[in-house]
Protein backbone atom coordinates (compact mmCIF):
# COMPACT_ATOMS: atom_id res chain seq x y z
CA MET A 1 131.53 -76.01 -41.91
CA LYS A 2 132.87 -76.68 -38.34
CA THR A 3 134.61 -79.49 -38.03
CA ILE A 4 134.41 -82.03 -34.87
CA ASN A 5 136.10 -85.20 -33.77
CA PHE A 6 134.60 -87.55 -32.08
CA VAL A 7 136.77 -90.26 -30.24
CA THR A 8 134.93 -94.23 -29.65
CA SER A 9 136.58 -97.26 -30.61
CA ASN A 10 133.42 -98.71 -30.39
CA LEU A 11 131.84 -98.67 -34.19
CA LEU A 12 128.35 -99.34 -33.54
CA LYS A 13 127.82 -96.27 -31.45
CA LEU A 14 129.76 -94.48 -35.15
CA GLN A 15 127.73 -96.45 -36.61
CA GLN A 16 124.63 -95.45 -34.74
CA VAL A 17 126.00 -91.36 -35.28
CA GLN A 18 126.97 -91.45 -38.35
CA ALA A 19 122.87 -92.02 -38.78
CA ILE A 20 121.99 -89.88 -36.28
CA LEU A 21 123.50 -87.05 -37.73
CA ARG A 22 123.19 -88.35 -42.03
CA ASN A 23 121.52 -84.68 -42.45
CA ASN A 24 122.84 -82.82 -40.65
CA THR A 25 125.09 -79.55 -41.45
CA THR A 26 125.79 -78.00 -38.49
CA PHE A 27 128.37 -79.87 -38.50
CA LYS A 28 131.61 -82.08 -39.99
CA LEU A 29 132.12 -85.30 -37.93
CA VAL A 30 136.02 -86.72 -38.13
CA HIS A 31 135.95 -90.82 -36.51
CA HIS A 32 139.07 -91.47 -34.28
CA PRO A 33 139.27 -94.82 -32.92
CA LEU A 34 140.61 -93.90 -29.60
CA GLU A 35 139.72 -96.23 -26.03
CA LEU A 36 139.85 -93.70 -23.37
CA PRO A 37 139.87 -94.50 -20.12
CA GLU A 38 136.97 -94.59 -18.43
CA LEU A 39 137.11 -93.96 -14.98
CA GLN A 40 135.06 -95.88 -11.90
CA ALA A 41 132.69 -92.10 -11.34
CA SER A 42 128.92 -91.09 -12.66
CA LEU A 43 127.95 -90.96 -15.30
CA ASP A 44 129.17 -87.00 -16.26
CA GLU A 45 131.95 -88.35 -14.44
CA ILE A 46 133.28 -90.28 -16.68
CA ALA A 47 132.16 -88.67 -20.25
CA ILE A 48 133.96 -85.66 -19.20
CA ASN A 49 137.29 -86.64 -18.10
CA LYS A 50 136.75 -88.84 -21.55
CA CYS A 51 136.22 -85.49 -23.13
CA ILE A 52 139.14 -83.55 -21.12
CA THR A 53 141.68 -86.10 -22.60
CA ALA A 54 140.82 -86.21 -25.56
CA ALA A 55 141.06 -83.18 -26.11
CA THR A 56 144.01 -83.64 -24.70
CA ILE A 57 145.39 -85.76 -27.62
CA ILE A 58 143.86 -84.48 -30.30
CA GLY A 59 144.31 -81.07 -29.51
CA ASP A 60 140.62 -79.71 -31.54
CA ALA A 61 137.17 -79.48 -31.01
CA VAL A 62 136.60 -83.51 -29.42
CA LEU A 63 132.77 -85.26 -29.02
CA VAL A 64 132.84 -88.24 -27.19
CA GLU A 65 129.98 -89.96 -26.13
CA ASP A 66 129.81 -92.68 -22.81
CA THR A 67 126.39 -94.71 -22.27
CA ALA A 68 124.64 -95.35 -19.42
CA PHE A 69 121.53 -98.39 -18.59
CA THR A 70 119.80 -98.09 -15.97
CA PHE A 71 117.80 -100.89 -13.73
CA ASN A 72 115.29 -98.19 -10.95
CA SER A 73 114.76 -101.85 -9.32
CA LEU A 74 118.92 -101.49 -8.89
CA ASN A 75 119.18 -98.24 -7.62
CA GLY A 76 120.86 -97.24 -10.77
CA LEU A 77 122.99 -100.63 -11.84
CA PRO A 78 124.96 -100.92 -13.50
CA GLY A 79 124.19 -98.00 -14.99
CA PRO A 80 127.85 -96.69 -16.50
CA TYR A 81 129.22 -100.31 -16.12
CA ILE A 82 126.72 -101.80 -18.74
CA LYS A 83 129.26 -103.35 -20.82
CA THR A 84 131.36 -105.20 -17.60
CA PHE A 85 128.02 -106.41 -16.20
CA ILE A 86 127.77 -108.15 -19.46
CA GLN A 87 131.11 -109.22 -20.14
CA GLN A 88 130.71 -111.27 -16.88
CA ILE A 89 127.13 -111.84 -16.20
CA GLY A 90 125.87 -111.87 -19.91
CA LEU A 91 122.50 -110.44 -21.11
CA GLU A 92 120.84 -113.70 -19.01
CA GLY A 93 122.52 -112.77 -16.48
CA LEU A 94 121.09 -109.24 -15.84
CA VAL A 95 117.66 -110.36 -17.23
CA ARG A 96 118.07 -113.21 -14.39
CA ILE A 97 119.06 -109.90 -11.36
CA LEU A 98 115.40 -108.57 -11.94
CA SER A 99 114.08 -112.51 -11.38
CA ASP A 100 113.28 -111.30 -7.57
CA PHE A 101 112.16 -107.35 -8.18
CA GLU A 102 108.35 -107.09 -9.89
CA ASP A 103 109.55 -103.83 -11.40
CA LYS A 104 111.30 -104.70 -14.34
CA THR A 105 111.59 -100.86 -15.88
CA ALA A 106 114.56 -99.72 -17.09
CA VAL A 107 116.11 -96.41 -18.42
CA ALA A 108 119.39 -96.04 -21.28
CA THR A 109 121.11 -92.73 -20.86
CA SER A 110 123.56 -91.45 -23.95
CA THR A 111 126.35 -88.48 -22.87
CA PHE A 112 127.35 -86.47 -24.83
CA ALA A 113 131.11 -84.49 -24.07
CA TYR A 114 132.07 -82.07 -25.82
CA THR A 115 134.57 -78.88 -25.98
CA GLU A 116 136.49 -76.12 -28.25
CA GLY A 117 139.83 -78.51 -27.52
CA PRO A 118 141.57 -78.56 -24.92
CA ASN A 119 141.30 -76.46 -21.53
CA GLN A 120 137.70 -75.54 -22.60
CA PRO A 121 134.93 -75.78 -20.81
CA VAL A 122 133.08 -78.77 -21.23
CA LYS A 123 129.61 -78.93 -22.23
CA LEU A 124 127.10 -82.01 -21.86
CA PHE A 125 124.17 -83.76 -23.95
CA THR A 126 121.55 -86.21 -22.85
CA GLY A 127 119.31 -88.37 -23.70
CA THR A 128 117.07 -91.03 -21.68
CA MET A 129 114.64 -94.03 -22.77
CA ASN A 130 112.08 -95.40 -20.57
CA GLY A 131 111.72 -98.66 -21.13
CA THR A 132 111.36 -102.18 -19.43
CA ILE A 133 113.83 -105.03 -19.15
CA THR A 134 112.66 -107.92 -21.29
CA GLN A 135 113.09 -112.02 -22.30
CA SER A 136 114.28 -112.09 -25.29
CA SER A 137 113.50 -114.71 -28.20
CA ASN A 138 116.95 -113.23 -30.25
CA MET A 139 119.26 -112.87 -27.52
CA PRO A 140 122.06 -113.93 -29.40
CA GLU A 141 124.67 -115.84 -27.65
CA ASN A 142 127.60 -113.62 -26.40
CA GLN A 143 126.24 -110.99 -27.52
CA THR A 144 127.38 -107.10 -25.75
CA ASN A 145 124.31 -105.28 -26.11
CA TRP A 146 122.26 -104.72 -24.86
CA GLN A 147 119.26 -103.45 -26.89
CA SER A 148 118.15 -107.20 -27.48
CA ILE A 149 116.55 -106.52 -23.74
CA PHE A 150 115.40 -103.51 -23.90
CA GLN A 151 111.76 -101.90 -25.24
CA PRO A 152 111.67 -99.00 -25.34
CA GLU A 153 107.98 -97.40 -23.74
CA GLY A 154 105.32 -96.97 -25.85
CA TYR A 155 107.12 -99.59 -29.14
CA HIS A 156 105.96 -103.33 -28.26
CA ILE A 157 109.40 -104.36 -29.19
CA ASN A 158 113.40 -104.14 -28.76
CA TYR A 159 115.26 -101.96 -30.12
CA ALA A 160 117.91 -104.87 -31.67
CA MET A 161 114.29 -105.36 -33.17
CA MET A 162 113.34 -102.40 -34.35
CA GLU A 163 114.17 -100.73 -38.04
CA GLU A 164 117.96 -98.88 -37.24
CA ASP A 165 116.52 -95.92 -39.00
CA GLN A 166 112.80 -95.92 -36.72
CA LYS A 167 115.28 -96.99 -33.21
CA ASN A 168 117.31 -93.59 -34.39
CA LYS A 169 114.42 -90.94 -34.58
CA ILE A 170 113.70 -92.03 -31.23
CA SER A 171 115.83 -93.00 -29.02
CA HIS A 172 118.34 -91.97 -26.04
CA ARG A 173 121.29 -90.72 -28.04
CA TYR A 174 119.12 -89.81 -30.92
CA LYS A 175 117.29 -87.37 -28.25
CA ALA A 176 121.61 -86.26 -27.40
CA LEU A 177 122.77 -85.70 -30.36
CA MET A 178 119.69 -83.32 -31.60
CA LEU A 179 120.39 -80.93 -28.54
CA LEU A 180 124.29 -80.67 -29.38
CA ILE A 181 123.16 -79.69 -32.75
CA ASP A 182 120.55 -76.90 -30.87
CA TYR A 183 123.30 -76.26 -29.36
CA LEU A 184 125.36 -75.84 -31.67
CA THR A 185 123.43 -73.99 -34.32
CA HIS A 186 122.22 -71.09 -31.59
CA SER A 187 125.87 -70.85 -30.12
CA THR A 188 128.14 -68.39 -30.71
CA ILE A 189 131.41 -70.48 -31.32
C-alpha cells in the first residue's frame, strides 16, 4: 500500500480526513503537523504552492488541502481567506456582512493538492458544496470554524449540527477526497 504524507497543522481537518478515509485501502496516510506559508493568491495557487513546499521539506509524496468559503453576493469573498476573516471579525461579523444582501448563498470548496515528490507535477482535486449562510443559535463564542453558519443545500441543519458520519459523506472535503482516491486507484503510480 502506498504511503502519502498529509501535511496540515489543522487538527480538525486531520480528524475529518481520517474519518472520511477510514475504509480507504488505496493508500496509507501519514500526518505531518507542519505550518506551511500561504500565498495571497487563488485557491489553486495556494494549494499548489503549499504542496510544492511540503514536498521539498519532506522529500516524498505529499498531500495538502486548502479550503475556501465564498459568499456569492460578495463575488467570491472571503474565499481562501476565510480563516483571516473569522479571526478579524468573527462568525457574527461574517453573518452581519451579508445583512444588506438578499443573496445569502455560499460555496464551500476543498482543494487537495498531491504530488509524488519534489520536482514532480502537482495534481488538484476539488470538491464543492453549495449552501446558505444562516444565523445560528449554536454559534459558540470564539468559534474559528464557519460550519455553524453554513447550511448545505438540501439539508435543514448546518454542518456543525450534523452527525460527523453524515457530514463526512456529503461534504466538500469528502467530494475532493473521492476524486483523489479515484485518481490514485486508476493511475499507474
